[in-house]
Amino acid sequence: MNPIIPKSVTDFMNEITNLCGIEHKNWAVNFNQSFSNTLETTVKRYDDGSTFLLTGDIPAMWLRDSTAQLRPYLVLAKDDKDILKMIAGLVQKQFFFINLDPYANAFNEAANGAGHQTDHTNFNENRNWIWERKYEIDSLCYPVQLAYLLYKNTGSTAHFDENFVNGVQKILEVFKTEINHEQSPYRFTRDTERKEDTLTREGRGAEVAYTGMTWSGFRPSDDACEYGYLVPSNMFAVVILGYIKSIFSEIIENTELASEADELQRTIQQGLDEFARVKNEAGQEIWAYDVDGLGHQAIMDDSNVPNLIAAPYLGYCDSDDELYLNTRRTMLSKENPYYYEGKFARGIGSSHTPENYVWPIALAMEGMTTKDKLEKERILNHLVATDAGTHLMHEGFDVDNPDHYTREWFSWANMMFCELVMDYFDIRVEI
C-alpha cells in the first residue's frame, strides 16, 4: 500500500471543503474521508508501473469497480503526473487481466488460486489468477472507458501499448462471439442454493434468440441476468466501441480494428432499437432492463452501474432525451420492483441485497443524471444523513433504518459519492 496522500489530492480536498462552506460542511467531511480512503486503503503500486486496486473488503480487483474507484482522480491527472501514472498503471493491470481471460470479472493480486476456484466453468491455464469468472459485458467496457478518458483528460497516449491492443482484440472477439451466444463456448455454474449466483441450462443461461445485441451472463451486481441481453450494458458497449473506433482511427492507425468496432457498434445499436424498446404501464415507450429476443423482457432497473438511469453518465444519450426520461420516471417508481421508499430514503436497490435496501451508488447516479441542482442537493444530504455515522458510503442500507447496512468498506460507493459532490460544484471528468 502507498498511504501517502499527494499534495494535489489534499489541495483538492481543501478546495471542495471551501466550496461546501458552512452550509454543506458535512458533505466535506464525507468527501475528504472517502476521497482519501481509496488511496490509503485500496491502491497497490508496483515497480513495473502497474496498479492493483482492492475493491474494499474483498481481497480481489474487479475490472468494473477499479475503474470507478479511480475515475474521479482523472480531474487531477492533467496537472499531477504521478496521479496520471497511477491511473495508467491501472489500465496496464486491467488489460493484463483481460489478456489472461476476457470472460473473468475479478482477479487476484497474484496467481495464488484464491476466490471461486470450485466454480464449474471452462477455466484456461490462468485460473489461479482468477477470483471469479462471471462473464459481464461491463467488465470489458470499463477498462476501455478508463483508457479513453485518461487520454481525453490528459492527452496521454503511452498506455495505448501492445498490451492494450491485444486486450481490445480479445474484447471485440468476445462481443462478436456472444452476439451468437448459443454457439458460445462459455459456461458457468456454481454449487449454490442462491440462484442469482449460477446460470441455468447447464451453464448457458436462459435461452436467447439472435437480436444483434451481445449477451451477458451476469449483471454489474454479479447476479445472473434474467434474460440474456442486458440493455444498459449493451448501451455501454455501444459507447466504448465508439471509443475504440476513435483510438484506432486517430491515435493508433489500425483500420481493421476501427472497422470491426464500427460494425459491431452498428449491429448492437440496431439490436437495441429493435428489441429493447418496450411499453410501461402508462403505454409510454421505455428501455427494458434485459430481454431475450423471444418476446420476454424485464421492466426494472438495478442499482449497479451500468444501469438504465446511468445512460447519460455513460455518454449513451442526453439527460433530456425523451425515451430516457420516460425510462427514468418509470424506474424511479413502484413499477420498478427494486425501487424502495422508506422513512429515511427512497431509491433503487438490488436483488443482490435485502428488500428495502437502497444503494448509495444508485442514489449518486440519480443525482449525476439530473440537471436539477436542488435534487442533487437533496440526494447528497440524504447520503450523508444515512451513513450510520461512519462518514463513508456502504453497499446498501435499510430505508427505514440506515444503521442496518451491507459492506462497511466499499470503495466504489465512496468514490461515487465523491463524484456527485464534484458534479454539484460543476467539476466533472471530461467524456
Protein backbone atom coordinates (compact mmCIF):
# COMPACT_ATOMS: atom_id res chain seq x y z
CA MET A 1 0.00 0.00 0.00
CA ASN A 2 1.02 3.62 -0.53
CA PRO A 3 -0.71 5.62 2.24
CA ILE A 4 0.96 8.94 1.35
CA ILE A 5 -1.66 11.42 0.14
CA PRO A 6 -0.27 13.60 -2.68
CA LYS A 7 -0.36 17.37 -2.29
CA SER A 8 -2.66 17.67 -5.33
CA VAL A 9 -5.18 15.49 -3.51
CA THR A 10 -5.01 17.41 -0.21
CA ASP A 11 -5.27 20.68 -2.14
CA PHE A 12 -8.33 19.36 -3.97
CA MET A 13 -9.95 18.22 -0.73
CA ASN A 14 -9.36 21.70 0.66
CA GLU A 15 -10.95 23.19 -2.45
CA ILE A 16 -14.03 21.01 -2.01
CA THR A 17 -14.17 21.90 1.70
CA ASN A 18 -14.16 25.60 0.83
CA LEU A 19 -16.85 25.10 -1.80
CA CYS A 20 -19.03 23.24 0.68
CA GLY A 21 -18.68 26.07 3.19
CA ILE A 22 -20.67 26.14 6.39
CA GLU A 23 -23.94 25.16 4.73
CA HIS A 24 -22.66 21.80 3.49
CA LYS A 25 -19.73 21.17 5.82
CA ASN A 26 -20.99 17.61 6.41
CA TRP A 27 -20.56 16.90 2.70
CA ALA A 28 -16.92 17.94 3.02
CA VAL A 29 -16.32 15.58 5.95
CA ASN A 30 -17.61 12.60 3.97
CA PHE A 31 -15.90 13.70 0.77
CA ASN A 32 -12.49 14.01 2.41
CA GLN A 33 -12.89 10.71 4.24
CA SER A 34 -13.95 8.89 1.07
CA PHE A 35 -11.55 10.58 -1.35
CA SER A 36 -8.51 9.81 0.79
CA ASN A 37 -9.73 6.37 1.87
CA THR A 38 -9.41 4.96 -1.64
CA LEU A 39 -5.75 5.97 -1.88
CA GLU A 40 -4.99 4.95 1.69
CA THR A 41 -6.61 1.52 1.70
CA THR A 42 -7.13 0.10 -1.80
CA VAL A 43 -4.27 1.17 -4.08
CA LYS A 44 -1.19 -1.01 -4.57
CA ARG A 45 1.53 0.20 -6.95
CA TYR A 46 4.34 -1.96 -8.32
CA ASP A 47 7.83 -1.45 -9.68
CA ASP A 48 6.69 -2.38 -13.20
CA GLY A 49 4.39 0.66 -13.18
CA SER A 50 1.16 -1.31 -12.74
CA THR A 51 -1.56 -0.53 -10.20
CA PHE A 52 -3.78 -3.04 -8.41
CA LEU A 53 -6.94 -1.93 -6.59
CA LEU A 54 -8.72 -3.87 -3.89
CA THR A 55 -12.48 -3.46 -4.14
CA GLY A 56 -12.57 -2.95 -0.37
CA ASP A 57 -13.48 -5.75 1.98
CA ILE A 58 -12.86 -8.45 -0.66
CA PRO A 59 -9.18 -9.16 -1.44
CA ALA A 60 -9.58 -9.02 -5.23
CA MET A 61 -9.76 -6.49 -8.05
CA TRP A 62 -12.89 -6.08 -10.15
CA LEU A 63 -12.38 -4.61 -13.62
CA ARG A 64 -15.56 -2.57 -13.14
CA ASP A 65 -15.03 -1.35 -9.57
CA SER A 66 -11.39 -0.43 -10.07
CA THR A 67 -12.27 1.95 -12.92
CA ALA A 68 -14.95 3.68 -10.85
CA GLN A 69 -12.61 3.85 -7.87
CA LEU A 70 -10.03 5.94 -9.74
CA ARG A 71 -12.25 7.81 -12.20
CA PRO A 72 -12.69 10.96 -10.02
CA TYR A 73 -8.90 11.34 -9.84
CA LEU A 74 -8.86 12.00 -13.60
CA VAL A 75 -9.63 15.65 -12.84
CA LEU A 76 -6.23 15.85 -11.11
CA ALA A 77 -4.23 13.73 -13.57
CA LYS A 78 -3.66 16.51 -16.10
CA ASP A 79 -1.56 18.51 -13.64
CA ASP A 80 -0.24 15.71 -11.42
CA LYS A 81 1.94 13.33 -13.40
CA ASP A 82 2.11 10.81 -10.57
CA ILE A 83 -1.68 10.55 -10.43
CA LEU A 84 -1.59 10.09 -14.21
CA LYS A 85 0.95 7.27 -13.79
CA MET A 86 -1.19 5.63 -11.11
CA ILE A 87 -4.23 5.59 -13.41
CA ALA A 88 -2.17 4.46 -16.40
CA GLY A 89 -0.85 1.68 -14.19
CA LEU A 90 -4.39 0.55 -13.52
CA VAL A 91 -5.11 0.47 -17.26
CA GLN A 92 -1.96 -1.64 -17.64
CA LYS A 93 -3.11 -4.08 -14.96
CA GLN A 94 -6.68 -4.26 -16.31
CA PHE A 95 -5.56 -5.17 -19.80
CA PHE A 96 -3.04 -7.66 -18.40
CA PHE A 97 -6.01 -9.37 -16.75
CA ILE A 98 -8.22 -9.17 -19.85
CA ASN A 99 -5.48 -10.86 -21.84
CA LEU A 100 -5.37 -13.64 -19.23
CA ASP A 101 -9.12 -14.30 -19.53
CA PRO A 102 -11.64 -11.85 -21.05
CA TYR A 103 -14.57 -13.76 -19.51
CA ALA A 104 -13.47 -13.17 -15.90
CA ASN A 105 -14.81 -10.27 -13.84
CA ALA A 106 -12.48 -10.26 -10.82
CA PHE A 107 -8.80 -11.15 -10.37
CA ASN A 108 -6.29 -11.97 -7.67
CA GLU A 109 -3.27 -9.85 -6.91
CA ALA A 110 -1.07 -12.83 -7.79
CA ALA A 111 -1.60 -16.32 -9.21
CA ASN A 112 -2.49 -17.59 -5.74
CA GLY A 113 -5.62 -19.62 -6.50
CA ALA A 114 -7.84 -17.53 -4.22
CA GLY A 115 -11.51 -16.98 -4.90
CA HIS A 116 -14.12 -19.19 -6.51
CA GLN A 117 -11.90 -21.95 -7.83
CA THR A 118 -14.60 -24.62 -7.46
CA ASP A 119 -16.96 -22.98 -9.95
CA HIS A 120 -17.77 -25.11 -12.99
CA THR A 121 -16.56 -23.11 -15.96
CA ASN A 122 -14.07 -23.53 -18.75
CA PHE A 123 -11.05 -22.06 -16.96
CA ASN A 124 -7.88 -21.79 -19.02
CA GLU A 125 -4.33 -22.22 -17.75
CA ASN A 126 -4.56 -18.88 -15.92
CA ARG A 127 -7.26 -19.93 -13.47
CA ASN A 128 -5.10 -19.22 -10.38
CA TRP A 129 -5.20 -15.52 -11.27
CA ILE A 130 -8.99 -15.50 -11.33
CA TRP A 131 -11.09 -14.67 -8.28
CA GLU A 132 -14.36 -15.07 -10.17
CA ARG A 133 -15.31 -15.90 -13.77
CA LYS A 134 -18.79 -14.45 -14.13
CA TYR A 135 -18.97 -13.00 -17.61
CA GLU A 136 -20.32 -9.45 -17.60
CA ILE A 137 -20.21 -7.09 -20.58
CA ASP A 138 -19.38 -4.13 -18.35
CA SER A 139 -16.19 -5.83 -17.14
CA LEU A 140 -14.83 -5.33 -20.65
CA CYS A 141 -16.33 -1.86 -21.13
CA TYR A 142 -14.94 -0.15 -18.04
CA PRO A 143 -11.21 -0.61 -18.82
CA VAL A 144 -11.71 0.79 -22.34
CA GLN A 145 -13.61 3.71 -20.82
CA LEU A 146 -10.79 4.43 -18.36
CA ALA A 147 -8.13 4.20 -21.06
CA TYR A 148 -10.04 6.58 -23.32
CA LEU A 149 -10.91 9.05 -20.55
CA LEU A 150 -7.29 9.11 -19.40
CA TYR A 151 -6.34 10.20 -22.92
CA LYS A 152 -9.27 12.63 -23.17
CA ASN A 153 -8.46 14.35 -19.87
CA THR A 154 -4.65 14.39 -20.06
CA GLY A 155 -3.62 13.87 -23.68
CA SER A 156 -1.51 10.87 -22.61
CA THR A 157 -1.28 8.00 -25.12
CA ALA A 158 1.52 5.90 -23.60
CA HIS A 159 -0.97 3.39 -22.22
CA PHE A 160 -2.16 2.52 -25.74
CA ASP A 161 0.55 -0.14 -25.97
CA GLU A 162 0.70 -3.72 -27.26
CA ASN A 163 -0.96 -4.97 -24.05
CA PHE A 164 -3.88 -2.61 -24.75
CA VAL A 165 -4.16 -3.57 -28.43
CA ASN A 166 -4.17 -7.28 -27.65
CA GLY A 167 -6.82 -6.74 -24.98
CA VAL A 168 -9.05 -4.78 -27.36
CA GLN A 169 -8.79 -7.59 -29.89
CA LYS A 170 -9.98 -10.04 -27.23
CA ILE A 171 -12.85 -7.72 -26.23
CA LEU A 172 -14.08 -7.47 -29.82
CA GLU A 173 -13.78 -11.24 -30.24
CA VAL A 174 -15.87 -11.90 -27.11
CA PHE A 175 -18.53 -9.35 -28.09
CA LYS A 176 -18.83 -10.95 -31.53
CA THR A 177 -18.94 -14.45 -30.10
CA GLU A 178 -21.66 -13.52 -27.63
CA ILE A 179 -23.87 -11.96 -30.31
CA ASN A 180 -24.47 -15.60 -31.19
CA HIS A 181 -24.45 -16.93 -27.65
CA GLU A 182 -25.98 -20.29 -28.48
CA GLN A 183 -22.68 -21.10 -30.24
CA SER A 184 -20.53 -19.70 -27.41
CA PRO A 185 -18.07 -21.93 -25.54
CA TYR A 186 -18.67 -20.06 -22.28
CA ARG A 187 -20.33 -21.99 -19.46
CA PHE A 188 -20.73 -21.15 -15.78
CA THR A 189 -22.37 -22.91 -12.86
CA ARG A 190 -21.76 -22.71 -9.14
CA ASP A 191 -22.72 -25.20 -6.47
CA THR A 192 -25.08 -22.93 -4.54
CA GLU A 193 -28.67 -22.56 -3.42
CA ARG A 194 -28.61 -18.88 -4.41
CA LYS A 195 -29.99 -18.92 -7.94
CA GLU A 196 -28.54 -15.47 -8.73
CA ASP A 197 -25.02 -16.93 -8.48
CA THR A 198 -25.33 -19.52 -11.21
CA LEU A 199 -26.59 -19.93 -14.77
CA THR A 200 -29.35 -22.28 -15.91
CA ARG A 201 -29.27 -24.71 -18.88
CA GLU A 202 -26.03 -26.33 -17.79
CA GLY A 203 -24.26 -23.00 -17.54
CA ARG A 204 -25.53 -21.33 -20.70
CA GLY A 205 -28.21 -19.16 -19.06
CA ALA A 206 -31.77 -18.54 -20.21
CA GLU A 207 -32.43 -19.29 -23.87
CA VAL A 208 -32.00 -16.36 -26.26
CA ALA A 209 -32.57 -15.66 -29.93
CA TYR A 210 -30.35 -13.53 -32.18
CA THR A 211 -31.02 -9.80 -31.80
CA GLY A 212 -27.75 -8.13 -32.77
CA MET A 213 -27.06 -7.31 -29.12
CA THR A 214 -24.26 -9.07 -27.29
CA TRP A 215 -25.08 -11.49 -24.45
CA SER A 216 -24.13 -11.14 -20.78
CA GLY A 217 -24.27 -13.91 -18.21
CA PHE A 218 -24.35 -11.59 -15.22
CA ARG A 219 -25.33 -8.07 -14.25
CA PRO A 220 -22.92 -5.49 -12.78
CA SER A 221 -24.22 -6.70 -9.39
CA ASP A 222 -22.61 -10.08 -10.22
CA ASP A 223 -26.13 -11.56 -10.14
CA ALA A 224 -27.30 -13.65 -13.09
CA CYS A 225 -29.28 -11.95 -15.85
CA GLU A 226 -32.90 -12.99 -16.01
CA TYR A 227 -32.74 -12.67 -19.80
CA GLY A 228 -29.51 -12.70 -21.75
CA TYR A 229 -29.39 -9.29 -23.40
CA LEU A 230 -28.65 -6.75 -20.69
CA VAL A 231 -29.75 -3.43 -22.16
CA PRO A 232 -27.70 -0.88 -20.14
CA SER A 233 -24.56 -2.97 -20.67
CA ASN A 234 -25.24 -3.07 -24.40
CA MET A 235 -25.64 0.72 -24.29
CA PHE A 236 -22.23 0.89 -22.59
CA ALA A 237 -20.80 -1.39 -25.28
CA VAL A 238 -22.06 1.00 -27.97
CA VAL A 239 -20.24 3.87 -26.23
CA ILE A 240 -16.91 2.10 -25.78
CA LEU A 241 -16.97 0.71 -29.32
CA GLY A 242 -17.10 4.35 -30.39
CA TYR A 243 -14.03 4.96 -28.21
CA ILE A 244 -12.23 2.03 -29.81
CA LYS A 245 -13.11 3.33 -33.26
CA SER A 246 -11.66 6.75 -32.37
CA ILE A 247 -8.50 5.33 -30.78
CA PHE A 248 -7.71 3.11 -33.76
CA SER A 249 -8.54 5.82 -36.28
CA GLU A 250 -6.88 8.84 -34.66
CA ILE A 251 -4.14 7.55 -32.34
CA ILE A 252 -3.20 4.01 -33.36
CA GLU A 253 -3.55 3.51 -37.08
CA ASN A 254 -5.34 0.18 -37.38
CA THR A 255 -8.16 0.42 -39.87
CA GLU A 256 -9.09 -3.23 -39.40
CA LEU A 257 -9.83 -2.85 -35.67
CA ALA A 258 -11.53 0.52 -36.24
CA SER A 259 -13.76 -1.03 -38.89
CA GLU A 260 -14.51 -4.04 -36.71
CA ALA A 261 -15.55 -1.78 -33.83
CA ASP A 262 -17.71 0.32 -36.15
CA GLU A 263 -19.55 -2.72 -37.49
CA LEU A 264 -20.12 -4.13 -34.00
CA GLN A 265 -21.38 -0.78 -32.76
CA ARG A 266 -23.95 -0.52 -35.55
CA THR A 267 -25.07 -4.13 -35.05
CA ILE A 268 -25.58 -3.74 -31.30
CA GLN A 269 -27.34 -0.40 -31.69
CA GLN A 270 -29.72 -1.91 -34.23
CA GLY A 271 -30.46 -4.69 -31.75
CA LEU A 272 -31.22 -2.16 -29.05
CA ASP A 273 -33.55 -0.24 -31.34
CA GLU A 274 -35.43 -3.34 -32.50
CA PHE A 275 -35.66 -5.43 -29.33
CA ALA A 276 -35.02 -3.31 -26.20
CA ARG A 277 -37.80 -0.72 -26.53
CA VAL A 278 -40.96 -1.69 -24.66
CA LYS A 279 -44.05 -0.03 -23.15
CA ASN A 280 -44.55 0.82 -19.50
CA GLU A 281 -47.87 0.59 -17.66
CA ALA A 282 -48.88 4.03 -18.98
CA GLY A 283 -48.22 2.94 -22.56
CA GLN A 284 -45.09 5.07 -22.93
CA GLU A 285 -42.06 3.74 -24.77
CA ILE A 286 -39.14 2.98 -22.44
CA TRP A 287 -36.00 0.86 -22.36
CA ALA A 288 -36.31 -2.61 -20.84
CA TYR A 289 -33.60 -3.73 -18.43
CA ASP A 290 -32.97 -7.04 -20.18
CA VAL A 291 -34.62 -9.02 -22.97
CA ASP A 292 -34.14 -12.39 -24.69
CA GLY A 293 -35.22 -11.75 -28.28
CA LEU A 294 -38.05 -14.24 -27.76
CA GLY A 295 -40.61 -11.74 -26.52
CA HIS A 296 -39.67 -11.64 -22.84
CA GLN A 297 -38.40 -8.55 -21.05
CA ALA A 298 -37.77 -7.27 -17.53
CA ILE A 299 -39.11 -3.82 -16.73
CA MET A 300 -36.84 -2.86 -13.84
CA ASP A 301 -33.56 -1.22 -13.02
CA ASP A 302 -30.76 -2.33 -10.74
CA SER A 303 -28.58 -0.14 -8.54
CA ASN A 304 -25.27 -1.17 -10.06
CA VAL A 305 -23.78 0.82 -12.95
CA PRO A 306 -24.27 0.43 -15.86
CA ASN A 307 -27.97 0.66 -15.24
CA LEU A 308 -30.70 2.40 -17.21
CA ILE A 309 -30.56 5.51 -15.03
CA ALA A 310 -26.85 5.86 -15.92
CA ALA A 311 -27.30 6.13 -19.71
CA PRO A 312 -26.39 9.86 -19.91
CA TYR A 313 -23.48 9.42 -17.46
CA LEU A 314 -22.08 6.71 -19.72
CA GLY A 315 -22.36 9.02 -22.72
CA TYR A 316 -25.06 6.98 -24.44
CA CYS A 317 -27.72 9.71 -24.60
CA ASP A 318 -28.56 13.19 -23.35
CA SER A 319 -30.24 13.56 -19.97
CA ASP A 320 -33.20 15.30 -21.64
CA ASP A 321 -33.75 12.56 -24.23
CA GLU A 322 -37.48 11.73 -24.20
CA LEU A 323 -37.03 7.96 -24.25
CA TYR A 324 -34.53 8.25 -21.39
CA LEU A 325 -36.82 10.50 -19.35
CA ASN A 326 -39.74 8.09 -19.77
CA THR A 327 -37.48 5.27 -18.64
CA ARG A 328 -36.11 7.27 -15.72
CA ARG A 329 -39.56 8.16 -14.40
CA THR A 330 -40.60 4.51 -14.66
CA MET A 331 -37.50 3.22 -12.86
CA LEU A 332 -37.93 5.75 -10.06
CA SER A 333 -41.42 4.47 -9.35
CA LYS A 334 -43.09 1.39 -7.93
CA GLU A 335 -43.20 -0.06 -11.44
CA ASN A 336 -39.56 -0.93 -10.80
CA PRO A 337 -39.63 -3.87 -8.33
CA TYR A 338 -36.30 -2.69 -6.87
CA TYR A 339 -37.43 0.87 -6.13
CA TYR A 340 -37.92 1.34 -2.40
CA GLU A 341 -39.26 4.18 -0.26
CA GLY A 342 -38.98 4.47 3.50
CA LYS A 343 -38.62 6.80 6.44
CA PHE A 344 -35.05 7.87 5.65
CA ALA A 345 -34.55 7.43 1.90
CA ARG A 346 -36.00 6.47 -1.44
CA GLY A 347 -34.16 4.99 -4.39
CA ILE A 348 -33.11 1.88 -6.27
CA GLY A 349 -31.88 -1.31 -4.63
CA SER A 350 -30.90 -4.70 -6.00
CA SER A 351 -31.59 -8.40 -5.94
CA HIS A 352 -28.07 -8.58 -4.54
CA THR A 353 -29.10 -7.10 -1.18
CA PRO A 354 -32.16 -7.43 1.09
CA GLU A 355 -35.53 -5.96 0.22
CA ASN A 356 -35.92 -2.27 1.14
CA TYR A 357 -32.17 -1.68 0.95
CA VAL A 358 -31.22 1.16 -1.41
CA TRP A 359 -27.72 1.72 -2.72
CA PRO A 360 -25.65 4.90 -2.38
CA ILE A 361 -24.23 4.11 -5.84
CA ALA A 362 -27.73 4.31 -7.31
CA LEU A 363 -28.54 7.47 -5.38
CA ALA A 364 -25.32 9.11 -6.57
CA MET A 365 -26.10 8.13 -10.16
CA GLU A 366 -29.61 9.52 -9.83
CA GLY A 367 -28.01 12.81 -8.79
CA MET A 368 -25.45 12.89 -11.58
CA THR A 369 -28.05 12.34 -14.30
CA THR A 370 -30.35 15.21 -13.39
CA LYS A 371 -29.82 18.89 -14.16
CA ASP A 372 -31.87 19.89 -11.11
CA LYS A 373 -29.40 21.31 -8.58
CA LEU A 374 -31.92 21.10 -5.74
CA GLU A 375 -32.36 17.39 -6.44
CA LYS A 376 -28.60 16.87 -6.35
CA GLU A 377 -28.54 18.69 -3.02
CA ARG A 378 -31.38 16.56 -1.64
CA ILE A 379 -29.58 13.36 -2.57
CA LEU A 380 -26.25 14.49 -1.11
CA ASN A 381 -27.98 15.44 2.15
CA HIS A 382 -29.63 12.01 2.26
CA LEU A 383 -26.37 10.19 1.56
CA VAL A 384 -24.62 11.95 4.41
CA ALA A 385 -27.58 11.52 6.77
CA THR A 386 -27.74 7.75 6.12
CA ASP A 387 -24.05 6.83 6.50
CA ALA A 388 -24.66 5.37 10.00
CA GLY A 389 -22.12 7.79 11.44
CA THR A 390 -19.20 6.25 9.53
CA HIS A 391 -18.60 9.19 7.12
CA LEU A 392 -18.31 6.57 4.38
CA MET A 393 -20.75 5.02 1.94
CA HIS A 394 -21.93 1.41 2.04
CA GLU A 395 -23.24 -1.10 -0.46
CA GLY A 396 -26.89 -0.85 0.61
CA PHE A 397 -28.85 0.34 3.62
CA ASP A 398 -32.35 -0.08 5.01
CA VAL A 399 -34.59 2.83 4.01
CA ASP A 400 -36.24 2.61 7.45
CA ASN A 401 -33.06 2.12 9.50
CA PRO A 402 -29.75 3.26 7.93
CA ASP A 403 -27.81 1.67 10.79
CA HIS A 404 -28.58 -1.60 9.02
CA TYR A 405 -26.27 -1.75 6.01
CA THR A 406 -24.12 -4.09 3.96
CA ARG A 407 -20.37 -3.75 3.36
CA GLU A 408 -18.63 -1.33 5.68
CA TRP A 409 -15.69 -0.89 3.31
CA PHE A 410 -16.84 -0.43 -0.29
CA SER A 411 -14.58 1.87 -2.29
CA TRP A 412 -16.79 2.07 -5.41
CA ALA A 413 -19.65 3.60 -3.40
CA ASN A 414 -17.28 6.03 -1.66
CA MET A 415 -15.99 7.37 -4.97
CA MET A 416 -19.45 7.66 -6.50
CA PHE A 417 -20.38 9.92 -3.58
CA CYS A 418 -17.25 11.97 -4.25
CA GLU A 419 -18.09 12.27 -7.92
CA LEU A 420 -21.58 13.56 -7.10
CA VAL A 421 -20.14 16.22 -4.78
CA MET A 422 -17.78 17.26 -7.57
CA ASP A 423 -20.66 17.26 -10.04
CA TYR A 424 -22.67 19.56 -7.76
CA PHE A 425 -19.85 22.10 -7.96
CA ASP A 426 -19.52 21.62 -11.76
CA ILE A 427 -16.23 19.71 -11.53
CA ARG A 428 -16.52 16.82 -13.96
CA VAL A 429 -14.42 14.29 -15.80
CA GLU A 430 -14.44 15.17 -19.49
CA ILE A 431 -16.12 12.44 -21.55
